[in-house]
Amino acid sequence: MFLAIDVGNTQSTLGLFNDDGSLEHGWRMATAATDTSDMLHSRLYGYFAKDGYSLDDVADAAVASVVPALQRAWLVCLREQLGCEPVVVSAVADYGMPIDMPRPVTVGADRIANAIAAEQTYGAPVIVVDFGTATNIDVVDEHGAYRGGAISPGLMLSANALFSKAAKLASIPVIAPGRALGDTTETAMQSGLVIGAAAQAEGLVSRIKAELGCPDATVVGTGGLARTVSAATDLFDAIDPDLTLRGIREIWLRQAK
């Protein structure tokens, strides 16, 4: 079996894949930059044992991380516990997708994984909107080249800033309200947060399509809040929560070849 690990700023996702490429099981854990390799092993062992799996079943692994300290800890953990050399997703490696940007080295590993999985699954051109700590928009043009995109504060980052800085605004359920015109403080906040995130994505994607000259580009939503935001818009052609993990696995396959 294959283990894909996507280390984000707030949460990390783990995906256990069968040899045929199907996702057998997934886990989500809080990202803690101070975790050591031993602590990661303890968490990993606990997740596997809880759901009836064994680390002995894992033959290979790959890591996409935006937290450098945790990337090192994960590599040590996987080397020691799995006995393999994990693949590290990097924008400087050649995975068969040109990166048409002035400084490719600055592109986050998760964004490369998203782009590769999206192009493989949906073809090109394709636009991915990833709702995580940040909202990332990643663009693959009609020639199959990664072109960049946009980065903005994520929905929960905005919500937490609002809750902590506005004394009269309490924490609320982050769900899509029935309409944009909120008639209570709660629905007004939900409108601003969720419908606002949807409207932002609609506006950015519309401009990106115009700049690419690809009005029919496929738009894919992913990330922990993609389904929440998709309830407030018809922007997306597909919601694909496992996109990043599949991209990590595909990168491992391409590097192995």
Protein backbone atom coordinates (compact mmCIF):
# COMPACT_ATOMS: atom_id res chain seq x y z
CA MET A 1 0.00 0.00 0.00
CA PHE A 2 1.00 3.63 -0.46
CA LEU A 3 0.77 6.46 2.08
CA ALA A 4 0.31 10.06 0.91
CA ILE A 5 0.81 12.87 3.42
CA ASP A 6 -0.24 16.46 2.79
CA VAL A 7 1.10 18.75 5.52
CA GLY A 8 -0.82 22.03 5.60
CA ASN A 9 -0.41 25.01 7.88
CA THR A 10 -3.42 24.14 10.05
CA GLN A 11 -4.27 20.53 9.25
CA SER A 12 -2.51 17.58 7.68
CA THR A 13 -4.28 14.88 5.67
CA LEU A 14 -3.12 11.32 5.25
CA GLY A 15 -4.35 8.93 2.56
CA LEU A 16 -3.75 5.19 2.42
CA PHE A 17 -3.96 3.90 -1.16
CA ASN A 18 -4.38 0.39 -2.49
CA ASP A 19 -2.08 -0.85 -5.23
CA ASP A 20 -4.79 -0.17 -7.83
CA GLY A 21 -4.82 3.52 -6.91
CA SER A 22 -8.07 3.54 -4.96
CA LEU A 23 -8.12 5.44 -1.68
CA GLU A 24 -8.53 2.85 1.06
CA HIS A 25 -8.75 5.21 4.03
CA GLY A 26 -8.00 8.80 5.02
CA TRP A 27 -7.21 10.68 8.20
CA ARG A 28 -7.03 14.34 9.16
CA MET A 29 -4.87 15.64 12.00
CA ALA A 30 -3.94 19.03 13.43
CA THR A 31 -0.61 20.35 12.20
CA ALA A 32 1.82 21.07 15.02
CA ALA A 33 5.14 22.48 13.83
CA THR A 34 6.84 21.31 17.05
CA ASP A 35 6.04 17.61 16.50
CA THR A 36 9.10 15.34 16.48
CA SER A 37 9.48 12.20 14.39
CA ASP A 38 8.65 10.11 17.47
CA MET A 39 5.46 12.07 18.07
CA LEU A 40 4.44 11.66 14.44
CA HIS A 41 5.10 7.93 14.67
CA SER A 42 2.87 7.71 17.74
CA ARG A 43 0.05 9.51 15.94
CA LEU A 44 0.47 7.48 12.78
CA TYR A 45 0.53 4.19 14.68
CA GLY A 46 -2.57 5.21 16.62
CA TYR A 47 -4.54 6.09 13.49
CA PHE A 48 -3.61 2.83 11.77
CA ALA A 49 -4.33 0.68 14.82
CA LYS A 50 -7.67 2.41 15.47
CA ASP A 51 -8.94 1.51 12.02
CA GLY A 52 -7.44 -1.96 11.77
CA TYR A 53 -4.41 -1.25 9.60
CA SER A 54 -0.72 -1.98 10.10
CA LEU A 55 2.27 0.14 9.16
CA ASP A 56 3.81 -3.08 7.84
CA ASP A 57 1.31 -2.91 4.98
CA VAL A 58 2.82 0.34 3.66
CA ALA A 59 5.57 -0.14 1.08
CA ASP A 60 6.05 3.46 -0.11
CA ALA A 61 5.17 7.01 0.90
CA ALA A 62 5.38 10.61 -0.28
CA VAL A 63 5.09 13.94 1.51
CA ALA A 64 3.92 17.35 0.32
CA SER A 65 4.59 19.89 3.03
CA VAL A 66 4.37 23.66 3.42
CA VAL A 67 5.93 23.41 6.91
CA PRO A 68 9.69 22.77 6.49
CA ALA A 69 10.31 21.60 10.07
CA LEU A 70 7.54 19.02 9.83
CA GLN A 71 8.75 17.84 6.46
CA ARG A 72 12.05 16.83 8.04
CA ALA A 73 10.29 15.14 10.96
CA TRP A 74 7.99 13.19 8.64
CA LEU A 75 10.92 12.00 6.53
CA VAL A 76 12.75 10.68 9.59
CA CYS A 77 9.57 9.02 10.85
CA LEU A 78 8.81 7.31 7.54
CA ARG A 79 12.37 6.15 6.97
CA GLU A 80 12.54 4.60 10.42
CA GLN A 81 9.07 3.06 10.52
CA LEU A 82 8.49 2.04 6.91
CA GLY A 83 12.06 1.35 5.83
CA CYS A 84 11.64 3.28 2.58
CA GLU A 85 12.89 6.58 1.19
CA PRO A 86 9.80 8.83 0.87
CA VAL A 87 9.32 11.05 -2.15
CA VAL A 88 9.25 14.77 -1.32
CA VAL A 89 6.98 16.80 -3.60
CA SER A 90 8.89 19.82 -4.90
CA ALA A 91 8.30 22.44 -7.57
CA VAL A 92 11.91 22.08 -8.76
CA ALA A 93 11.47 18.42 -9.77
CA ASP A 94 10.28 17.38 -13.24
CA TYR A 95 6.93 15.63 -13.01
CA GLY A 96 5.99 16.10 -16.63
CA MET A 97 4.11 19.37 -16.12
CA PRO A 98 5.91 22.57 -17.19
CA ILE A 99 5.76 25.38 -14.62
CA ASP A 100 5.36 28.55 -16.65
CA MET A 101 6.32 31.01 -13.92
CA PRO A 102 9.37 33.25 -13.35
CA ARG A 103 10.34 31.48 -10.09
CA PRO A 104 8.96 27.92 -10.01
CA VAL A 105 10.80 27.14 -6.76
CA THR A 106 8.37 29.36 -4.85
CA VAL A 107 5.31 27.25 -5.71
CA GLY A 108 3.92 25.27 -2.77
CA ALA A 109 4.06 21.47 -2.94
CA ASP A 110 0.31 21.15 -2.40
CA ARG A 111 -0.39 23.42 -5.36
CA ILE A 112 1.75 21.27 -7.66
CA ALA A 113 -0.05 18.15 -6.43
CA ASN A 114 -3.44 19.79 -7.05
CA ALA A 115 -2.49 20.82 -10.57
CA ILE A 116 -1.15 17.41 -11.57
CA ALA A 117 -4.15 15.51 -10.20
CA ALA A 118 -6.61 17.97 -11.76
CA GLU A 119 -5.00 17.79 -15.21
CA GLN A 120 -4.84 14.00 -15.05
CA THR A 121 -8.47 13.66 -13.90
CA TYR A 122 -10.24 16.47 -15.76
CA GLY A 123 -7.88 17.41 -18.59
CA ALA A 124 -6.66 20.89 -19.49
CA PRO A 125 -7.40 23.71 -19.12
CA VAL A 126 -8.45 23.30 -15.52
CA ILE A 127 -8.71 25.62 -12.51
CA VAL A 128 -8.55 24.31 -8.93
CA VAL A 129 -9.93 26.28 -5.97
CA ASP A 130 -8.54 24.82 -2.73
CA PHE A 131 -10.31 25.99 0.43
CA GLY A 132 -7.80 25.48 3.24
CA THR A 133 -5.97 27.77 5.68
CA ALA A 134 -5.46 29.90 2.60
CA THR A 135 -7.72 29.78 -0.42
CA ASN A 136 -5.46 28.79 -3.31
CA ILE A 137 -6.43 28.98 -6.95
CA ASP A 138 -4.21 26.90 -9.23
CA VAL A 139 -4.34 27.10 -13.00
CA VAL A 140 -3.31 24.66 -15.72
CA ASP A 141 -3.58 26.17 -19.20
CA GLU A 142 -4.75 24.51 -22.40
CA HIS A 143 -1.19 23.33 -23.14
CA GLY A 144 -0.93 21.48 -19.81
CA ALA A 145 1.41 24.01 -18.18
CA TYR A 146 1.03 25.24 -14.63
CA ARG A 147 0.54 29.01 -14.78
CA GLY A 148 0.12 30.05 -11.12
CA GLY A 149 -3.11 31.45 -9.73
CA ALA A 150 -4.17 33.37 -6.65
CA ILE A 151 -3.77 33.11 -2.87
CA SER A 152 -6.06 34.74 -0.32
CA PRO A 153 -6.88 34.27 3.38
CA GLY A 154 -8.96 31.16 3.93
CA LEU A 155 -12.56 31.16 5.08
CA MET A 156 -11.81 30.01 8.64
CA LEU A 157 -8.86 32.40 8.90
CA SER A 158 -11.22 35.25 8.06
CA ALA A 159 -13.88 33.90 10.42
CA ASN A 160 -11.48 33.58 13.34
CA ALA A 161 -10.17 37.10 12.75
CA LEU A 162 -13.73 38.40 12.75
CA PHE A 163 -14.69 36.52 15.92
CA SER A 164 -11.57 37.62 17.82
CA LYS A 165 -11.50 41.29 16.77
CA ALA A 166 -15.20 42.20 16.78
CA ALA A 167 -16.39 42.14 20.40
CA LYS A 168 -20.12 41.86 19.61
CA LEU A 169 -19.75 39.10 17.01
CA ALA A 170 -19.74 35.64 18.54
CA SER A 171 -18.62 32.43 16.86
CA ILE A 172 -21.32 30.96 14.60
CA PRO A 173 -21.78 27.80 12.52
CA VAL A 174 -19.92 28.33 9.24
CA ILE A 175 -22.58 27.23 6.76
CA ALA A 176 -24.14 28.72 3.66
CA PRO A 177 -27.28 30.76 4.49
CA GLY A 178 -30.34 30.62 2.29
CA ARG A 179 -29.74 34.07 0.80
CA ALA A 180 -27.17 36.84 0.66
CA LEU A 181 -29.37 39.35 2.50
CA GLY A 182 -28.93 38.35 6.13
CA ASP A 183 -31.78 39.41 8.41
CA THR A 184 -30.02 38.45 11.66
CA THR A 185 -26.48 39.00 12.84
CA GLU A 186 -25.81 35.28 12.45
CA THR A 187 -27.09 34.98 8.88
CA ALA A 188 -25.40 38.27 7.94
CA MET A 189 -22.07 36.85 9.14
CA GLN A 190 -22.69 33.56 7.32
CA SER A 191 -23.48 35.51 4.18
CA GLY A 192 -20.33 37.59 4.46
CA LEU A 193 -18.13 34.59 5.19
CA VAL A 194 -19.49 31.77 3.04
CA ILE A 195 -21.27 33.59 0.23
CA GLY A 196 -18.41 36.11 0.33
CA ALA A 197 -15.89 33.28 -0.20
CA ALA A 198 -18.00 31.94 -3.05
CA ALA A 199 -18.31 35.37 -4.67
CA GLN A 200 -14.56 35.93 -4.36
CA ALA A 201 -13.88 32.59 -6.05
CA GLU A 202 -16.41 33.39 -8.80
CA GLY A 203 -14.81 36.76 -9.48
CA LEU A 204 -11.23 35.50 -9.53
CA VAL A 205 -12.03 32.47 -11.67
CA SER A 206 -13.95 34.65 -14.13
CA ARG A 207 -11.00 37.00 -14.52
CA ILE A 208 -8.52 34.13 -14.81
CA LYS A 209 -10.62 32.49 -17.54
CA ALA A 210 -10.70 35.77 -19.44
CA GLU A 211 -6.93 36.26 -19.12
CA LEU A 212 -6.28 32.68 -20.27
CA GLY A 213 -8.75 33.00 -23.12
CA CYS A 214 -10.34 29.74 -21.91
CA PRO A 215 -13.95 30.47 -20.95
CA ASP A 216 -14.78 26.75 -20.79
CA ALA A 217 -11.97 25.73 -18.42
CA THR A 218 -13.09 23.09 -15.92
CA VAL A 219 -13.34 24.39 -12.33
CA VAL A 220 -12.70 21.98 -9.47
CA GLY A 221 -13.23 22.65 -5.76
CA THR A 222 -11.19 20.88 -3.10
CA GLY A 223 -10.08 21.36 0.50
CA GLY A 224 -11.88 20.98 3.80
CA LEU A 225 -14.46 23.71 3.16
CA ALA A 226 -15.13 23.10 -0.54
CA ARG A 227 -18.53 21.50 0.05
CA THR A 228 -19.56 24.32 2.40
CA VAL A 229 -18.74 26.99 -0.17
CA SER A 230 -20.15 24.99 -3.08
CA ALA A 231 -23.59 25.21 -1.43
CA ALA A 232 -23.50 28.95 -2.18
CA THR A 233 -22.41 28.87 -5.84
CA ASP A 234 -22.73 27.01 -9.12
CA LEU A 235 -19.12 27.79 -10.02
CA PHE A 236 -17.77 24.27 -9.71
CA ASP A 237 -17.90 21.51 -12.28
CA ALA A 238 -16.70 19.05 -9.63
CA ILE A 239 -15.99 18.86 -5.91
CA ASP A 240 -13.00 16.57 -5.34
CA PRO A 241 -11.94 16.35 -1.67
CA ASP A 242 -9.16 13.81 -2.32
CA LEU A 243 -7.51 15.74 -5.17
CA THR A 244 -4.31 16.69 -3.33
CA LEU A 245 -3.69 13.18 -1.99
CA ARG A 246 -4.20 11.68 -5.46
CA GLY A 247 -1.79 14.25 -6.85
CA ILE A 248 0.84 13.22 -4.32
CA ARG A 249 0.42 9.59 -5.33
CA GLU A 250 0.64 10.46 -9.03
CA ILE A 251 3.85 12.40 -8.42
CA TRP A 252 5.29 9.37 -6.61
CA LEU A 253 4.39 7.19 -9.60
CA ARG A 254 5.97 9.60 -12.07
CA GLN A 255 9.14 9.92 -10.04
CA ALA A 256 9.36 6.14 -9.69
CA LYS A 257 9.15 5.82 -13.49
